[in-house]
């Protein structure tokens, strides 16, 4: 399912127009800086929890030494933050069926 198909299903289930449904999805999931609600919360280091569905959050990966596969040289890999999603119990149970 892509964003357009999701907006069409949201519009049908909620009674919103497809344009408004697309706007809602964009407001939630937009990854551009200072746009999407979820991304803004993750930028601030906060979690976003949707009960029964799951939790969006960030984790920190420490700096480490790696190996360049083509030369075999040791390289420094910088520390970084990365996003994660942990599904909720209800979603996991539904998918398992």
C-alpha atoms as a PDB file:
ATOM      1  CA  UNK A   1       0.000   0.000   0.000  1.00  0.00           C
ATOM      2  CA  UNK A   2       1.349   3.423  -0.878  1.00  0.00           C
ATOM      3  CA  UNK A   3       0.470   6.824   0.575  1.00  0.00           C
ATOM      4  CA  UNK A   4      -2.241   7.538  -2.009  1.00  0.00           C
ATOM      5  CA  UNK A   5      -3.949   4.183  -1.387  1.00  0.00           C
ATOM      6  CA  UNK A   6      -3.761   4.759   2.375  1.00  0.00           C
ATOM      7  CA  UNK A   7      -5.373   8.188   1.959  1.00  0.00           C
ATOM      8  CA  UNK A   8      -8.180   6.675  -0.121  1.00  0.00           C
ATOM      9  CA  UNK A   9      -8.904   4.048   2.577  1.00  0.00           C
ATOM     10  CA  UNK A  10      -8.754   6.669   5.340  1.00  0.00           C
ATOM     11  CA  UNK A  11     -11.154   8.898   3.391  1.00  0.00           C
ATOM     12  CA  UNK A  12     -13.596   6.030   2.880  1.00  0.00           C
ATOM     13  CA  UNK A  13     -13.547   4.924   6.548  1.00  0.00           C
ATOM     14  CA  UNK A  14     -13.646   8.409   8.105  1.00  0.00           C
ATOM     15  CA  UNK A  15     -15.843  10.369   5.719  1.00  0.00           C
ATOM     16  CA  UNK A  16     -13.042  12.851   5.007  1.00  0.00           C
ATOM     17  CA  UNK A  17     -12.290  13.949   1.477  1.00  0.00           C
ATOM     18  CA  UNK A  18      -9.275  12.289  -0.135  1.00  0.00           C
ATOM     19  CA  UNK A  19      -7.451  15.629  -0.094  1.00  0.00           C
ATOM     20  CA  UNK A  20      -8.008  16.019   3.670  1.00  0.00           C
ATOM     21  CA  UNK A  21      -7.046  12.375   4.288  1.00  0.00           C
ATOM     22  CA  UNK A  22      -3.786  12.903   2.363  1.00  0.00           C
ATOM     23  CA  UNK A  23      -3.147  16.039   4.431  1.00  0.00           C
ATOM     24  CA  UNK A  24      -3.629  14.105   7.694  1.00  0.00           C
ATOM     25  CA  UNK A  25      -1.229  11.361   6.608  1.00  0.00           C
ATOM     26  CA  UNK A  26       1.344  13.948   5.514  1.00  0.00           C
ATOM     27  CA  UNK A  27       1.033  15.813   8.831  1.00  0.00           C
ATOM     28  CA  UNK A  28       1.769  12.599  10.719  1.00  0.00           C
ATOM     29  CA  UNK A  29       4.443  10.930   8.602  1.00  0.00           C
ATOM     30  CA  UNK A  30       6.303  13.667   6.674  1.00  0.00           C
ATOM     31  CA  UNK A  31      10.055  13.208   7.176  1.00  0.00           C
ATOM     32  CA  UNK A  32      11.136  16.685   6.016  1.00  0.00           C
ATOM     33  CA  UNK A  33      12.684  18.852   8.761  1.00  0.00           C
ATOM     34  CA  UNK A  34      10.065  20.560  11.000  1.00  0.00           C
ATOM     35  CA  UNK A  35       7.093  18.978   9.184  1.00  0.00           C
ATOM     36  CA  UNK A  36       5.812  15.550  10.245  1.00  0.00           C
ATOM     37  CA  UNK A  37       4.563  15.177  13.813  1.00  0.00           C
ATOM     38  CA  UNK A  38       6.310  11.841  14.368  1.00  0.00           C
ATOM     39  CA  UNK A  39       9.633  13.011  12.913  1.00  0.00           C
ATOM     40  CA  UNK A  40       9.582  16.238  14.959  1.00  0.00           C
ATOM     41  CA  UNK A  41       9.057  14.250  18.164  1.00  0.00           C
ATOM     42  CA  UNK A  42      11.882  11.860  17.266  1.00  0.00           C
ATOM     43  CA  UNK A  43      14.170  14.833  16.505  1.00  0.00           C
ATOM     44  CA  UNK A  44      13.469  16.094  20.021  1.00  0.00           C
ATOM     45  CA  UNK A  45      14.446  12.705  21.471  1.00  0.00           C
ATOM     46  CA  UNK A  46      10.901  11.787  22.500  1.00  0.00           C
ATOM     47  CA  UNK A  47       9.020   8.556  21.805  1.00  0.00           C
ATOM     48  CA  UNK A  48       5.678   8.362  20.008  1.00  0.00           C
ATOM     49  CA  UNK A  49       3.456   5.584  21.354  1.00  0.00           C
ATOM     50  CA  UNK A  50       0.198   4.492  19.743  1.00  0.00           C
ATOM     51  CA  UNK A  51      -1.361   1.989  22.186  1.00  0.00           C
ATOM     52  CA  UNK A  52      -1.910  -1.401  20.576  1.00  0.00           C
ATOM     53  CA  UNK A  53      -0.026  -0.364  17.430  1.00  0.00           C
ATOM     54  CA  UNK A  54       3.518   0.365  18.543  1.00  0.00           C
ATOM     55  CA  UNK A  55       6.212   2.797  19.535  1.00  0.00           C
ATOM     56  CA  UNK A  56       8.434   4.982  17.373  1.00  0.00           C
ATOM     57  CA  UNK A  57      11.682   6.077  18.999  1.00  0.00           C
ATOM     58  CA  UNK A  58      15.366   6.748  18.498  1.00  0.00           C
ATOM     59  CA  UNK A  59      18.448   4.938  19.681  1.00  0.00           C
ATOM     60  CA  UNK A  60      22.097   5.952  19.759  1.00  0.00           C
ATOM     61  CA  UNK A  61      24.752   3.839  18.084  1.00  0.00           C
ATOM     62  CA  UNK A  62      28.192   4.419  19.616  1.00  0.00           C
ATOM     63  CA  UNK A  63      31.280   5.292  17.585  1.00  0.00           C
ATOM     64  CA  UNK A  64      33.281   2.254  16.596  1.00  0.00           C
ATOM     65  CA  UNK A  65      36.179   1.053  14.485  1.00  0.00           C
ATOM     66  CA  UNK A  66      35.286  -0.767  11.290  1.00  0.00           C
ATOM     67  CA  UNK A  67      37.148  -2.276   8.357  1.00  0.00           C
ATOM     68  CA  UNK A  68      37.038  -1.026   4.780  1.00  0.00           C
ATOM     69  CA  UNK A  69      36.138  -4.222   2.865  1.00  0.00           C
ATOM     70  CA  UNK A  70      38.028  -3.257  -0.287  1.00  0.00           C
ATOM     71  CA  UNK A  71      41.342  -2.251   1.339  1.00  0.00           C
ATOM     72  CA  UNK A  72      41.220  -3.900   4.753  1.00  0.00           C
ATOM     73  CA  UNK A  73      42.126  -0.583   6.409  1.00  0.00           C
ATOM     74  CA  UNK A  74      40.674   0.312   9.790  1.00  0.00           C
ATOM     75  CA  UNK A  75      38.236   3.240   9.688  1.00  0.00           C
ATOM     76  CA  UNK A  76      36.444   5.252  12.349  1.00  0.00           C
ATOM     77  CA  UNK A  77      32.663   5.038  12.125  1.00  0.00           C
ATOM     78  CA  UNK A  78      31.012   8.022  13.805  1.00  0.00           C
ATOM     79  CA  UNK A  79      28.317   7.734  16.464  1.00  0.00           C
ATOM     80  CA  UNK A  80      24.786   8.375  15.241  1.00  0.00           C
ATOM     81  CA  UNK A  81      21.130   8.305  16.194  1.00  0.00           C
ATOM     82  CA  UNK A  82      18.756   6.077  14.280  1.00  0.00           C
ATOM     83  CA  UNK A  83      14.980   5.562  14.345  1.00  0.00           C
ATOM     84  CA  UNK A  84      13.254   2.357  15.381  1.00  0.00           C
ATOM     85  CA  UNK A  85       9.719   0.997  15.535  1.00  0.00           C
ATOM     86  CA  UNK A  86       8.633  -1.555  18.129  1.00  0.00           C
ATOM     87  CA  UNK A  87       5.223  -3.086  17.362  1.00  0.00           C
ATOM     88  CA  UNK A  88       2.660  -3.226  20.148  1.00  0.00           C
ATOM     89  CA  UNK A  89       1.228  -6.426  21.586  1.00  0.00           C
ATOM     90  CA  UNK A  90      -2.100  -6.146  19.736  1.00  0.00           C
ATOM     91  CA  UNK A  91      -0.397  -5.603  16.357  1.00  0.00           C
ATOM     92  CA  UNK A  92       2.055  -8.479  16.927  1.00  0.00           C
ATOM     93  CA  UNK A  93      -0.760 -10.854  17.865  1.00  0.00           C
ATOM     94  CA  UNK A  94      -2.819  -9.851  14.838  1.00  0.00           C
ATOM     95  CA  UNK A  95       0.070 -10.387  12.422  1.00  0.00           C
ATOM     96  CA  UNK A  96       0.971 -13.736  13.993  1.00  0.00           C
ATOM     97  CA  UNK A  97      -2.480 -15.174  13.214  1.00  0.00           C
END
